[in-house]
Full PDB file with SEQRES, HELIX, SHEET, SSBOND, CRYST1, ORIGX, SCALE, CONECT and MASTER records, all heavy atoms in Angstrom:
SEQRES   1 A   46  ILE HIS PRO ASP ASP ALA ALA ALA LEU ALA ILE ALA ASP          
SEQRES   2 A   46  GLY ASP ARG VAL GLN LEU GLY ASN THR ARG GLY GLU ILE          
SEQRES   3 A   46  THR MET HIS ALA ARG LEU ASP ALA GLY GLN ARG ARG GLY          
SEQRES   4 A   46  VAL VAL ILE HIS GLU GLY LEU                                  
HELIX    1 AA1 PRO A    3  ALA A    8  1                                   6    
SHEET    1 AA1 2 ARG A  16  ASN A  21  0                                        
SHEET    2 AA1 2 GLY A  24  HIS A  29 -1                                        
CRYST1    1.000    1.000    1.000  90.00  90.00  90.00 P 1           1          
ORIGX1      1.000000  0.000000  0.000000        0.00000                         
ORIGX2      0.000000  1.000000  0.000000        0.00000                         
ORIGX3      0.000000  0.000000  1.000000        0.00000                         
SCALE1      1.000000  0.000000  0.000000        0.00000                         
SCALE2      0.000000  1.000000  0.000000        0.00000                         
SCALE3      0.000000  0.000000  1.000000        0.00000                         
ATOM      1  N   ILE A   1     -17.916   2.824 -35.036  1.00  0.00           N  
ATOM      2  CA  ILE A   1     -17.115   3.964 -34.599  1.00  0.00           C  
ATOM      3  C   ILE A   1     -17.961   4.858 -33.699  1.00  0.00           C  
ATOM      4  O   ILE A   1     -19.177   5.007 -33.900  1.00  0.00           O  
ATOM      5  CB  ILE A   1     -16.569   4.742 -35.827  1.00  0.00           C  
ATOM      6  CG1 ILE A   1     -15.659   5.897 -35.403  1.00  0.00           C  
ATOM      7  CG2 ILE A   1     -17.683   5.208 -36.740  1.00  0.00           C  
ATOM      8  CD1 ILE A   1     -14.897   6.521 -36.556  1.00  0.00           C  
ATOM      9  N   HIS A   2     -17.344   5.427 -32.681  1.00  0.00           N  
ATOM     10  CA  HIS A   2     -18.057   6.289 -31.745  1.00  0.00           C  
ATOM     11  C   HIS A   2     -18.538   7.545 -32.481  1.00  0.00           C  
ATOM     12  O   HIS A   2     -17.786   8.135 -33.274  1.00  0.00           O  
ATOM     13  CB  HIS A   2     -17.139   6.671 -30.589  1.00  0.00           C  
ATOM     14  CG  HIS A   2     -17.851   7.258 -29.417  1.00  0.00           C  
ATOM     15  ND1 HIS A   2     -18.367   8.531 -29.411  1.00  0.00           N  
ATOM     16  CD2 HIS A   2     -18.139   6.730 -28.190  1.00  0.00           C  
ATOM     17  CE1 HIS A   2     -18.933   8.778 -28.251  1.00  0.00           C  
ATOM     18  NE2 HIS A   2     -18.817   7.689 -27.486  1.00  0.00           N  
ATOM     19  N   PRO A   3     -19.771   7.996 -32.243  1.00  0.00           N  
ATOM     20  CA  PRO A   3     -20.287   9.184 -32.949  1.00  0.00           C  
ATOM     21  C   PRO A   3     -19.407  10.416 -32.795  1.00  0.00           C  
ATOM     22  O   PRO A   3     -19.275  11.203 -33.743  1.00  0.00           O  
ATOM     23  CB  PRO A   3     -21.665   9.391 -32.310  1.00  0.00           C  
ATOM     24  CG  PRO A   3     -22.069   8.043 -31.828  1.00  0.00           C  
ATOM     25  CD  PRO A   3     -20.805   7.376 -31.392  1.00  0.00           C  
ATOM     26  N   ASP A   4     -18.802  10.597 -31.623  1.00  0.00           N  
ATOM     27  CA  ASP A   4     -17.941  11.773 -31.443  1.00  0.00           C  
ATOM     28  C   ASP A   4     -16.675  11.663 -32.290  1.00  0.00           C  
ATOM     29  O   ASP A   4     -16.197  12.663 -32.844  1.00  0.00           O  
ATOM     30  CB  ASP A   4     -17.573  11.933 -29.964  1.00  0.00           C  
ATOM     31  CG  ASP A   4     -18.783  12.282 -29.102  1.00  0.00           C  
ATOM     32  OD1 ASP A   4     -19.815  12.713 -29.665  1.00  0.00           O  
ATOM     33  OD2 ASP A   4     -18.689  12.115 -27.875  1.00  0.00           O  
ATOM     34  N   ASP A   5     -16.121  10.459 -32.386  1.00  0.00           N  
ATOM     35  CA  ASP A   5     -14.972  10.264 -33.273  1.00  0.00           C  
ATOM     36  C   ASP A   5     -15.376  10.475 -34.727  1.00  0.00           C  
ATOM     37  O   ASP A   5     -14.636  11.076 -35.514  1.00  0.00           O  
ATOM     38  CB  ASP A   5     -14.395   8.854 -33.094  1.00  0.00           C  
ATOM     39  CG  ASP A   5     -13.654   8.680 -31.784  1.00  0.00           C  
ATOM     40  OD1 ASP A   5     -13.099   9.666 -31.277  1.00  0.00           O  
ATOM     41  OD2 ASP A   5     -13.641   7.547 -31.266  1.00  0.00           O  
ATOM     42  N   ALA A   6     -16.561   9.965 -35.079  1.00  0.00           N  
ATOM     43  CA  ALA A   6     -17.029  10.125 -36.453  1.00  0.00           C  
ATOM     44  C   ALA A   6     -17.244  11.595 -36.801  1.00  0.00           C  
ATOM     45  O   ALA A   6     -16.882  12.054 -37.894  1.00  0.00           O  
ATOM     46  CB  ALA A   6     -18.320   9.336 -36.654  1.00  0.00           C  
ATOM     47  N   ALA A   7     -17.824  12.347 -35.868  1.00  0.00           N  
ATOM     48  CA  ALA A   7     -18.067  13.772 -36.124  1.00  0.00           C  
ATOM     49  C   ALA A   7     -16.760  14.513 -36.360  1.00  0.00           C  
ATOM     50  O   ALA A   7     -16.675  15.388 -37.244  1.00  0.00           O  
ATOM     51  CB  ALA A   7     -18.820  14.381 -34.946  1.00  0.00           C  
ATOM     52  N   ALA A   8     -15.734  14.158 -35.606  1.00  0.00           N  
ATOM     53  CA  ALA A   8     -14.441  14.824 -35.776  1.00  0.00           C  
ATOM     54  C   ALA A   8     -13.823  14.529 -37.135  1.00  0.00           C  
ATOM     55  O   ALA A   8     -13.010  15.317 -37.639  1.00  0.00           O  
ATOM     56  CB  ALA A   8     -13.495  14.382 -34.666  1.00  0.00           C  
ATOM     57  N   LEU A   9     -14.234  13.416 -37.746  1.00  0.00           N  
ATOM     58  CA  LEU A   9     -13.706  13.031 -39.054  1.00  0.00           C  
ATOM     59  C   LEU A   9     -14.704  13.298 -40.176  1.00  0.00           C  
ATOM     60  O   LEU A   9     -14.473  12.888 -41.315  1.00  0.00           O  
ATOM     61  CB  LEU A   9     -13.347  11.540 -39.037  1.00  0.00           C  
ATOM     62  CG  LEU A   9     -12.236  11.119 -38.067  1.00  0.00           C  
ATOM     63  CD1 LEU A   9     -12.153   9.596 -37.978  1.00  0.00           C  
ATOM     64  CD2 LEU A   9     -10.895  11.689 -38.510  1.00  0.00           C  
ATOM     65  N   ALA A  10     -15.821  13.983 -39.853  1.00  0.00           N  
ATOM     66  CA  ALA A  10     -16.878  14.293 -40.835  1.00  0.00           C  
ATOM     67  C   ALA A  10     -17.436  13.021 -41.475  1.00  0.00           C  
ATOM     68  O   ALA A  10     -17.725  12.977 -42.677  1.00  0.00           O  
ATOM     69  CB  ALA A  10     -16.352  15.252 -41.899  1.00  0.00           C  
ATOM     70  N   ILE A  11     -17.590  11.978 -40.639  1.00  0.00           N  
ATOM     71  CA  ILE A  11     -18.137  10.705 -41.100  1.00  0.00           C  
ATOM     72  C   ILE A  11     -19.563  10.571 -40.591  1.00  0.00           C  
ATOM     73  O   ILE A  11     -19.822  10.737 -39.396  1.00  0.00           O  
ATOM     74  CB  ILE A  11     -17.277   9.529 -40.599  1.00  0.00           C  
ATOM     75  CG1 ILE A  11     -15.890   9.562 -41.246  1.00  0.00           C  
ATOM     76  CG2 ILE A  11     -17.965   8.190 -40.865  1.00  0.00           C  
ATOM     77  CD1 ILE A  11     -14.912   8.573 -40.639  1.00  0.00           C  
ATOM     78  N   ALA A  12     -20.492  10.283 -41.491  1.00  0.00           N  
ATOM     79  CA  ALA A  12     -21.887  10.060 -41.128  1.00  0.00           C  
ATOM     80  C   ALA A  12     -22.186   8.563 -41.147  1.00  0.00           C  
ATOM     81  O   ALA A  12     -21.465   7.771 -41.773  1.00  0.00           O  
ATOM     82  CB  ALA A  12     -22.806  10.797 -42.092  1.00  0.00           C  
ATOM     83  N   ASP A  13     -23.243   8.175 -40.462  1.00  0.00           N  
ATOM     84  CA  ASP A  13     -23.648   6.774 -40.433  1.00  0.00           C  
ATOM     85  C   ASP A  13     -23.890   6.271 -41.852  1.00  0.00           C  
ATOM     86  O   ASP A  13     -24.619   6.891 -42.626  1.00  0.00           O  
ATOM     87  CB  ASP A  13     -24.922   6.624 -39.600  1.00  0.00           C  
ATOM     88  CG  ASP A  13     -25.219   5.178 -39.254  1.00  0.00           C  
ATOM     89  OD1 ASP A  13     -24.358   4.540 -38.641  1.00  0.00           O  
ATOM     90  OD2 ASP A  13     -26.313   4.700 -39.613  1.00  0.00           O  
ATOM     91  N   GLY A  14     -23.266   5.156 -42.200  1.00  0.00           N  
ATOM     92  CA  GLY A  14     -23.417   4.583 -43.528  1.00  0.00           C  
ATOM     93  C   GLY A  14     -22.392   5.040 -44.543  1.00  0.00           C  
ATOM     94  O   GLY A  14     -22.331   4.483 -45.645  1.00  0.00           O  
ATOM     95  N   ASP A  15     -21.599   6.032 -44.204  1.00  0.00           N  
ATOM     96  CA  ASP A  15     -20.551   6.490 -45.125  1.00  0.00           C  
ATOM     97  C   ASP A  15     -19.520   5.385 -45.360  1.00  0.00           C  
ATOM     98  O   ASP A  15     -19.254   4.562 -44.478  1.00  0.00           O  
ATOM     99  CB  ASP A  15     -19.812   7.702 -44.556  1.00  0.00           C  
ATOM    100  CG  ASP A  15     -20.559   9.012 -44.753  1.00  0.00           C  
ATOM    101  OD1 ASP A  15     -21.596   9.001 -45.461  1.00  0.00           O  
ATOM    102  OD2 ASP A  15     -20.119  10.031 -44.200  1.00  0.00           O  
ATOM    103  N   ARG A  16     -18.918   5.412 -46.525  1.00  0.00           N  
ATOM    104  CA  ARG A  16     -17.779   4.546 -46.789  1.00  0.00           C  
ATOM    105  C   ARG A  16     -16.550   5.166 -46.131  1.00  0.00           C  
ATOM    106  O   ARG A  16     -16.296   6.356 -46.265  1.00  0.00           O  
ATOM    107  CB  ARG A  16     -17.557   4.368 -48.286  1.00  0.00           C  
ATOM    108  CG  ARG A  16     -18.676   3.571 -48.956  1.00  0.00           C  
ATOM    109  CD  ARG A  16     -18.505   3.487 -50.466  1.00  0.00           C  
ATOM    110  NE  ARG A  16     -17.406   2.593 -50.836  1.00  0.00           N  
ATOM    111  CZ  ARG A  16     -16.255   2.995 -51.324  1.00  0.00           C  
ATOM    112  NH1 ARG A  16     -16.014   4.287 -51.471  1.00  0.00           N  
ATOM    113  NH2 ARG A  16     -15.318   2.117 -51.664  1.00  0.00           N  
ATOM    114  N   VAL A  17     -15.803   4.300 -45.408  1.00  0.00           N  
ATOM    115  CA  VAL A  17     -14.616   4.777 -44.719  1.00  0.00           C  
ATOM    116  C   VAL A  17     -13.435   3.881 -45.075  1.00  0.00           C  
ATOM    117  O   VAL A  17     -13.612   2.701 -45.399  1.00  0.00           O  
ATOM    118  CB  VAL A  17     -14.798   4.807 -43.185  1.00  0.00           C  
ATOM    119  CG1 VAL A  17     -15.871   5.807 -42.782  1.00  0.00           C  
ATOM    120  CG2 VAL A  17     -15.139   3.411 -42.648  1.00  0.00           C  
ATOM    121  N   GLN A  18     -12.267   4.469 -45.016  1.00  0.00           N  
ATOM    122  CA  GLN A  18     -11.030   3.712 -45.155  1.00  0.00           C  
ATOM    123  C   GLN A  18     -10.363   3.612 -43.789  1.00  0.00           C  
ATOM    124  O   GLN A  18     -10.442   4.553 -42.988  1.00  0.00           O  
ATOM    125  CB  GLN A  18     -10.075   4.396 -46.128  1.00  0.00           C  
ATOM    126  CG  GLN A  18     -10.426   4.212 -47.595  1.00  0.00           C  
ATOM    127  CD  GLN A  18      -9.345   4.788 -48.488  1.00  0.00           C  
ATOM    128  OE1 GLN A  18      -8.869   5.891 -48.259  1.00  0.00           O  
ATOM    129  NE2 GLN A  18      -8.945   4.045 -49.514  1.00  0.00           N  
ATOM    130  N   LEU A  19      -9.727   2.499 -43.550  1.00  0.00           N  
ATOM    131  CA  LEU A  19      -8.898   2.359 -42.362  1.00  0.00           C  
ATOM    132  C   LEU A  19      -7.651   1.587 -42.751  1.00  0.00           C  
ATOM    133  O   LEU A  19      -7.689   0.739 -43.655  1.00  0.00           O  
ATOM    134  CB  LEU A  19      -9.631   1.669 -41.214  1.00  0.00           C  
ATOM    135  CG  LEU A  19     -10.136   0.229 -41.395  1.00  0.00           C  
ATOM    136  CD1 LEU A  19     -10.299  -0.436 -40.035  1.00  0.00           C  
ATOM    137  CD2 LEU A  19     -11.485   0.217 -42.116  1.00  0.00           C  
ATOM    138  N   GLY A  20      -6.548   1.922 -42.086  1.00  0.00           N  
ATOM    139  CA  GLY A  20      -5.317   1.264 -42.473  1.00  0.00           C  
ATOM    140  C   GLY A  20      -4.182   1.500 -41.501  1.00  0.00           C  
ATOM    141  O   GLY A  20      -4.317   2.198 -40.492  1.00  0.00           O  
ATOM    142  N   ASN A  21      -3.059   0.891 -41.827  1.00  0.00           N  
ATOM    143  CA  ASN A  21      -1.816   1.059 -41.077  1.00  0.00           C  
ATOM    144  C   ASN A  21      -0.681   0.667 -42.008  1.00  0.00           C  
ATOM    145  O   ASN A  21      -0.873   0.605 -43.235  1.00  0.00           O  
ATOM    146  CB  ASN A  21      -1.832   0.240 -39.776  1.00  0.00           C  
ATOM    147  CG  ASN A  21      -2.161  -1.228 -39.996  1.00  0.00           C  
ATOM    148  OD1 ASN A  21      -1.902  -1.785 -41.065  1.00  0.00           O  
ATOM    149  ND2 ASN A  21      -2.716  -1.873 -38.979  1.00  0.00           N  
ATOM    150  N   THR A  22       0.479   0.400 -41.469  1.00  0.00           N  
ATOM    151  CA  THR A  22       1.622   0.093 -42.319  1.00  0.00           C  
ATOM    152  C   THR A  22       1.463  -1.226 -43.058  1.00  0.00           C  
ATOM    153  O   THR A  22       2.202  -1.499 -44.015  1.00  0.00           O  
ATOM    154  CB  THR A  22       2.910   0.037 -41.476  1.00  0.00           C  
ATOM    155  OG1 THR A  22       2.752  -0.926 -40.420  1.00  0.00           O  
ATOM    156  CG2 THR A  22       3.218   1.408 -40.867  1.00  0.00           C  
ATOM    157  N   ARG A  23       0.507  -2.075 -42.650  1.00  0.00           N  
ATOM    158  CA  ARG A  23       0.314  -3.373 -43.294  1.00  0.00           C  
ATOM    159  C   ARG A  23      -0.611  -3.296 -44.500  1.00  0.00           C  
ATOM    160  O   ARG A  23      -0.644  -4.219 -45.307  1.00  0.00           O  
ATOM    161  CB  ARG A  23      -0.244  -4.371 -42.280  1.00  0.00           C  
ATOM    162  CG  ARG A  23       0.630  -4.545 -41.044  1.00  0.00           C  
ATOM    163  CD  ARG A  23       0.052  -5.528 -40.047  1.00  0.00           C  
ATOM    164  NE  ARG A  23       0.830  -5.497 -38.807  1.00  0.00           N  
ATOM    165  CZ  ARG A  23       0.449  -4.896 -37.689  1.00  0.00           C  
ATOM    166  NH1 ARG A  23      -0.736  -4.292 -37.635  1.00  0.00           N  
ATOM    167  NH2 ARG A  23       1.231  -4.893 -36.628  1.00  0.00           N  
ATOM    168  N   GLY A  24      -1.412  -2.235 -44.596  1.00  0.00           N  
ATOM    169  CA  GLY A  24      -2.336  -2.104 -45.713  1.00  0.00           C  
ATOM    170  C   GLY A  24      -3.505  -1.218 -45.364  1.00  0.00           C  
ATOM    171  O   GLY A  24      -3.526  -0.558 -44.313  1.00  0.00           O  
ATOM    172  N   GLU A  25      -4.495  -1.196 -46.222  1.00  0.00           N  
ATOM    173  CA  GLU A  25      -5.694  -0.405 -45.975  1.00  0.00           C  
ATOM    174  C   GLU A  25      -6.882  -1.100 -46.643  1.00  0.00           C  
ATOM    175  O   GLU A  25      -6.720  -1.808 -47.643  1.00  0.00           O  
ATOM    176  CB  GLU A  25      -5.553   1.026 -46.509  1.00  0.00           C  
ATOM    177  CG  GLU A  25      -5.325   1.152 -48.007  1.00  0.00           C  
ATOM    178  CD  GLU A  25      -3.909   0.805 -48.440  1.00  0.00           C  
ATOM    179  OE1 GLU A  25      -2.966   1.074 -47.670  1.00  0.00           O  
ATOM    180  OE2 GLU A  25      -3.754   0.236 -49.541  1.00  0.00           O  
ATOM    181  N   ILE A  26      -8.056  -0.942 -46.060  1.00  0.00           N  
ATOM    182  CA  ILE A  26      -9.280  -1.524 -46.598  1.00  0.00           C  
ATOM    183  C   ILE A  26     -10.408  -0.515 -46.477  1.00  0.00           C  
ATOM    184  O   ILE A  26     -10.279   0.504 -45.783  1.00  0.00           O  
ATOM    185  CB  ILE A  26      -9.658  -2.838 -45.876  1.00  0.00           C  
ATOM    186  CG1 ILE A  26      -9.903  -2.588 -44.389  1.00  0.00           C  
ATOM    187  CG2 ILE A  26      -8.594  -3.897 -46.069  1.00  0.00           C  
ATOM    188  CD1 ILE A  26     -10.419  -3.825 -43.661  1.00  0.00           C  
ATOM    189  N   THR A  27     -11.517  -0.811 -47.140  1.00  0.00           N  
ATOM    190  CA  THR A  27     -12.668   0.086 -47.161  1.00  0.00           C  
ATOM    191  C   THR A  27     -13.918  -0.674 -46.745  1.00  0.00           C  
ATOM    192  O   THR A  27     -14.104  -1.842 -47.118  1.00  0.00           O  
ATOM    193  CB  THR A  27     -12.873   0.677 -48.566  1.00  0.00           C  
ATOM    194  OG1 THR A  27     -11.683   1.354 -48.967  1.00  0.00           O  
ATOM    195  CG2 THR A  27     -14.030   1.663 -48.601  1.00  0.00           C  
ATOM    196  N   MET A  28     -14.770  -0.033 -45.956  1.00  0.00           N  
ATOM    197  CA  MET A  28     -16.073  -0.583 -45.582  1.00  0.00           C  
ATOM    198  C   MET A  28     -16.989   0.571 -45.205  1.00  0.00           C  
ATOM    199  O   MET A  28     -16.626   1.739 -45.353  1.00  0.00           O  
ATOM    200  CB  MET A  28     -15.923  -1.587 -44.429  1.00  0.00           C  
ATOM    201  CG  MET A  28     -15.421  -1.003 -43.131  1.00  0.00           C  
ATOM    202  SD  MET A  28     -15.179  -2.270 -41.850  1.00  0.00           S  
ATOM    203  CE  MET A  28     -13.600  -2.949 -42.318  1.00  0.00           C  
ATOM    204  N   HIS A  29     -18.172   0.272 -44.715  1.00  0.00           N  
ATOM    205  CA  HIS A  29     -19.132   1.298 -44.323  1.00  0.00           C  
ATOM    206  C   HIS A  29     -19.080   1.541 -42.818  1.00  0.00           C  
ATOM    207  O   HIS A  29     -18.813   0.628 -42.041  1.00  0.00           O  
ATOM    208  CB  HIS A  29     -20.552   0.897 -44.737  1.00  0.00           C  
ATOM    209  CG  HIS A  29     -20.770   0.899 -46.216  1.00  0.00           C  
ATOM    210  ND1 HIS A  29     -20.401  -0.158 -47.015  1.00  0.00           N  
ATOM    211  CD2 HIS A  29     -21.294   1.837 -47.043  1.00  0.00           C  
ATOM    212  CE1 HIS A  29     -20.708   0.114 -48.275  1.00  0.00           C  
ATOM    213  NE2 HIS A  29     -21.243   1.317 -48.315  1.00  0.00           N  
ATOM    214  N   ALA A  30     -19.353   2.774 -42.437  1.00  0.00           N  
ATOM    215  CA  ALA A  30     -19.348   3.154 -41.027  1.00  0.00           C  
ATOM    216  C   ALA A  30     -20.704   2.881 -40.388  1.00  0.00           C  
ATOM    217  O   ALA A  30     -21.753   3.070 -41.015  1.00  0.00           O  
ATOM    218  CB  ALA A  30     -19.004   4.627 -40.883  1.00  0.00           C  
ATOM    219  N   ARG A  31     -20.668   2.415 -39.144  1.00  0.00           N  
ATOM    220  CA  ARG A  31     -21.878   2.324 -38.323  1.00  0.00           C  
ATOM    221  C   ARG A  31     -21.597   3.042 -37.013  1.00  0.00           C  
ATOM    222  O   ARG A  31     -20.710   2.629 -36.255  1.00  0.00           O  
ATOM    223  CB  ARG A  31     -22.270   0.867 -38.075  1.00  0.00           C  
ATOM    224  CG  ARG A  31     -23.410   0.716 -37.066  1.00  0.00           C  
ATOM    225  CD  ARG A  31     -24.161  -0.590 -37.260  1.00  0.00           C  
ATOM    226  NE  ARG A  31     -23.358  -1.770 -37.086  1.00  0.00           N  
ATOM    227  CZ  ARG A  31     -23.234  -2.439 -35.917  1.00  0.00           C  
ATOM    228  NH1 ARG A  31     -23.865  -2.001 -34.834  1.00  0.00           N  
ATOM    229  NH2 ARG A  31     -22.487  -3.520 -35.846  1.00  0.00           N  
ATOM    230  N   LEU A  32     -22.333   4.095 -36.757  1.00  0.00           N  
ATOM    231  CA  LEU A  32     -22.081   4.908 -35.573  1.00  0.00           C  
ATOM    232  C   LEU A  32     -22.766   4.295 -34.356  1.00  0.00           C  
ATOM    233  O   LEU A  32     -23.945   3.920 -34.411  1.00  0.00           O  
ATOM    234  CB  LEU A  32     -22.583   6.338 -35.792  1.00  0.00           C  
ATOM    235  CG  LEU A  32     -21.586   7.301 -36.475  1.00  0.00           C  
ATOM    236  CD1 LEU A  32     -21.052   6.740 -37.782  1.00  0.00           C  
ATOM    237  CD2 LEU A  32     -22.233   8.653 -36.701  1.00  0.00           C  
ATOM    238  N   ASP A  33     -21.991   4.171 -33.276  1.00  0.00           N  
ATOM    239  CA  ASP A  33     -22.513   3.575 -32.051  1.00  0.00           C  
ATOM    240  C   ASP A  33     -21.651   4.065 -30.898  1.00  0.00           C  
ATOM    241  O   ASP A  33     -20.422   4.013 -30.970  1.00  0.00           O  
ATOM    242  CB  ASP A  33     -22.477   2.047 -32.140  1.00  0.00           C  
ATOM    243  CG  ASP A  33     -23.299   1.373 -31.055  1.00  0.00           C  
ATOM    244  OD1 ASP A  33     -23.130   1.727 -29.868  1.00  0.00           O  
ATOM    245  OD2 ASP A  33     -24.098   0.474 -31.382  1.00  0.00           O  
ATOM    246  N   ALA A  34     -22.299   4.516 -29.834  1.00  0.00           N  
ATOM    247  CA  ALA A  34     -21.567   5.034 -28.673  1.00  0.00           C  
ATOM    248  C   ALA A  34     -21.263   3.939 -27.652  1.00  0.00           C  
ATOM    249  O   ALA A  34     -20.994   4.237 -26.489  1.00  0.00           O  
ATOM    250  CB  ALA A  34     -22.372   6.148 -28.011  1.00  0.00           C  
ATOM    251  N   GLY A  35     -21.268   2.682 -28.069  1.00  0.00           N  
ATOM    252  CA  GLY A  35     -21.090   1.557 -27.158  1.00  0.00           C  
ATOM    253  C   GLY A  35     -19.663   1.178 -26.877  1.00  0.00           C  
ATOM    254  O   GLY A  35     -19.415   0.079 -26.384  1.00  0.00           O  
ATOM    255  N   GLN A  36     -18.695   2.029 -27.199  1.00  0.00           N  
ATOM    256  CA  GLN A  36     -17.306   1.766 -26.860  1.00  0.00           C  
ATOM    257  C   GLN A  36     -16.635   3.078 -26.472  1.00  0.00           C  
ATOM    258  O   GLN A  36     -17.185   4.158 -26.698  1.00  0.00           O  
ATOM    259  CB  GLN A  36     -16.548   1.114 -28.024  1.00  0.00           C  
ATOM    260  CG  GLN A  36     -16.302   2.013 -29.213  1.00  0.00           C  
ATOM    261  CD  GLN A  36     -17.379   1.916 -30.273  1.00  0.00           C  
ATOM    262  OE1 GLN A  36     -18.469   1.421 -30.013  1.00  0.00           O  
ATOM    263  NE2 GLN A  36     -17.097   2.406 -31.455  1.00  0.00           N  
ATOM    264  N   ARG A  37     -15.473   2.991 -25.876  1.00  0.00           N  
ATOM    265  CA  ARG A  37     -14.727   4.192 -25.523  1.00  0.00           C  
ATOM    266  C   ARG A  37     -14.271   4.905 -26.790  1.00  0.00           C  
ATOM    267  O   ARG A  37     -14.040   4.265 -27.826  1.00  0.00           O  
ATOM    268  CB  ARG A  37     -13.508   3.834 -24.669  1.00  0.00           C  
ATOM    269  CG  ARG A  37     -13.834   3.113 -23.373  1.00  0.00           C  
ATOM    270  CD  ARG A  37     -14.445   4.021 -22.340  1.00  0.00           C  
ATOM    271  NE  ARG A  37     -14.837   3.277 -21.134  1.00  0.00           N  
ATOM    272  CZ  ARG A  37     -15.584   3.784 -20.165  1.00  0.00           C  
ATOM    273  NH1 ARG A  37     -16.024   5.035 -20.242  1.00  0.00           N  
ATOM    274  NH2 ARG A  37     -15.905   3.059 -19.105  1.00  0.00           N  
ATOM    275  N   ARG A  38     -14.116   6.190 -26.700  1.00  0.00           N  
ATOM    276  CA  ARG A  38     -13.589   6.930 -27.843  1.00  0.00           C  
ATOM    277  C   ARG A  38     -12.186   6.432 -28.191  1.00  0.00           C  
ATOM    278  O   ARG A  38     -11.415   6.024 -27.319  1.00  0.00           O  
ATOM    279  CB  ARG A  38     -13.551   8.427 -27.550  1.00  0.00           C  
ATOM    280  CG  ARG A  38     -14.935   9.083 -27.546  1.00  0.00           C  
ATOM    281  CD  ARG A  38     -14.821  10.586 -27.754  1.00  0.00           C  
ATOM    282  NE  ARG A  38     -14.228  10.934 -29.054  1.00  0.00           N  
ATOM    283  CZ  ARG A  38     -14.023  12.182 -29.469  1.00  0.00           C  
ATOM    284  NH1 ARG A  38     -14.343  13.211 -28.681  1.00  0.00           N  
ATOM    285  NH2 ARG A  38     -13.490  12.421 -30.655  1.00  0.00           N  
ATOM    286  N   GLY A  39     -11.892   6.438 -29.456  1.00  0.00           N  
ATOM    287  CA  GLY A  39     -10.605   5.946 -29.914  1.00  0.00           C  
ATOM    288  C   GLY A  39     -10.582   4.456 -30.191  1.00  0.00           C  
ATOM    289  O   GLY A  39      -9.554   3.917 -30.599  1.00  0.00           O  
ATOM    290  N   VAL A  40     -11.716   3.773 -29.986  1.00  0.00           N  
ATOM    291  CA  VAL A  40     -11.824   2.333 -30.237  1.00  0.00           C  
ATOM    292  C   VAL A  40     -12.779   2.117 -31.410  1.00  0.00           C  
ATOM    293  O   VAL A  40     -13.876   2.680 -31.433  1.00  0.00           O  
ATOM    294  CB  VAL A  40     -12.352   1.590 -28.996  1.00  0.00           C  
ATOM    295  CG1 VAL A  40     -12.533   0.100 -29.292  1.00  0.00           C  
ATOM    296  CG2 VAL A  40     -11.414   1.798 -27.819  1.00  0.00           C  
ATOM    297  N   VAL A  41     -12.363   1.316 -32.389  1.00  0.00           N  
ATOM    298  CA  VAL A  41     -13.231   0.945 -33.505  1.00  0.00           C  
ATOM    299  C   VAL A  41     -13.315  -0.573 -33.559  1.00  0.00           C  
ATOM    300  O   VAL A  41     -12.362  -1.283 -33.222  1.00  0.00           O  
ATOM    301  CB  VAL A  41     -12.740   1.524 -34.846  1.00  0.00           C  
ATOM    302  CG1 VAL A  41     -12.898   3.039 -34.856  1.00  0.00           C  
ATOM    303  CG2 VAL A  41     -11.291   1.143 -35.135  1.00  0.00           C  
ATOM    304  N   ILE A  42     -14.467  -1.063 -33.991  1.00  0.00           N  
ATOM    305  CA  ILE A  42     -14.749  -2.498 -33.992  1.00  0.00           C  
ATOM    306  C   ILE A  42     -15.183  -2.921 -35.387  1.00  0.00           C  
ATOM    307  O   ILE A  42     -15.997  -2.246 -36.031  1.00  0.00           O  
ATOM    308  CB  ILE A  42     -15.883  -2.852 -33.004  1.00  0.00           C  
ATOM    309  CG1 ILE A  42     -15.614  -2.280 -31.604  1.00  0.00           C  
ATOM    310  CG2 ILE A  42     -16.120  -4.362 -32.963  1.00  0.00           C  
ATOM    311  CD1 ILE A  42     -14.487  -2.915 -30.857  1.00  0.00           C  
ATOM    312  N   HIS A  43     -14.654  -4.040 -35.833  1.00  0.00           N  
ATOM    313  CA  HIS A  43     -15.191  -4.691 -37.039  1.00  0.00           C  
ATOM    314  C   HIS A  43     -15.591  -6.111 -36.664  1.00  0.00           C  
ATOM    315  O   HIS A  43     -14.777  -6.884 -36.147  1.00  0.00           O  
ATOM    316  CB  HIS A  43     -14.172  -4.743 -38.170  1.00  0.00           C  
ATOM    317  CG  HIS A  43     -14.622  -5.604 -39.313  1.00  0.00           C  
ATOM    318  ND1 HIS A  43     -15.656  -5.228 -40.149  1.00  0.00           N  
ATOM    319  CD2 HIS A  43     -14.212  -6.835 -39.734  1.00  0.00           C  
ATOM    320  CE1 HIS A  43     -15.856  -6.184 -41.040  1.00  0.00           C  
ATOM    321  NE2 HIS A  43     -14.996  -7.166 -40.810  1.00  0.00           N  
ATOM    322  N   GLU A  44     -16.857  -6.460 -36.911  1.00  0.00           N  
ATOM    323  CA  GLU A  44     -17.353  -7.806 -36.620  1.00  0.00           C  
ATOM    324  C   GLU A  44     -17.256  -8.658 -37.880  1.00  0.00           C  
ATOM    325  O   GLU A  44     -17.731  -8.280 -38.941  1.00  0.00           O  
ATOM    326  CB  GLU A  44     -18.786  -7.744 -36.099  1.00  0.00           C  
ATOM    327  CG  GLU A  44     -18.910  -7.016 -34.755  1.00  0.00           C  
ATOM    328  CD  GLU A  44     -20.326  -6.966 -34.236  1.00  0.00           C  
ATOM    329  OE1 GLU A  44     -21.274  -6.910 -35.055  1.00  0.00           O  
ATOM    330  OE2 GLU A  44     -20.518  -6.966 -33.006  1.00  0.00           O  
ATOM    331  N   GLY A  45     -16.669  -9.817 -37.759  1.00  0.00           N  
ATOM    332  CA  GLY A  45     -16.461 -10.690 -38.918  1.00  0.00           C  
ATOM    333  C   GLY A  45     -16.419 -12.151 -38.495  1.00  0.00           C  
ATOM    334  O   GLY A  45     -16.885 -12.477 -37.413  1.00  0.00           O  
ATOM    335  N   LEU A  46     -15.928 -13.024 -39.367  1.00  0.00           N  
ATOM    336  CA  LEU A  46     -15.070 -12.728 -40.495  1.00  0.00           C  
ATOM    337  C   LEU A  46     -15.858 -12.798 -41.813  1.00  0.00           C  
ATOM    338  O   LEU A  46     -16.483 -13.827 -42.105  1.00  0.00           O  
ATOM    339  CB  LEU A  46     -13.919 -13.733 -40.582  1.00  0.00           C  
ATOM    340  CG  LEU A  46     -12.754 -13.541 -39.635  1.00  0.00           C  
ATOM    341  CD1 LEU A  46     -11.922 -14.804 -39.564  1.00  0.00           C  
ATOM    342  CD2 LEU A  46     -11.888 -12.392 -40.104  1.00  0.00           C  
TER     343      LEU A  46                                                      
MASTER        0    0    0    1    2    0    0    6  342    1    0    4          
END                                                                             
């Protein structure tokens, strides 16, 4: 997640975060990185 987006949500690097939509929600840890445009979040998997 972009650091500026994280700051607006009071999320620090390594914090547990929830993300979801109408299909469900899951939990993982945040990694702050300014390597994408604001409003974009990335999960590397699977």
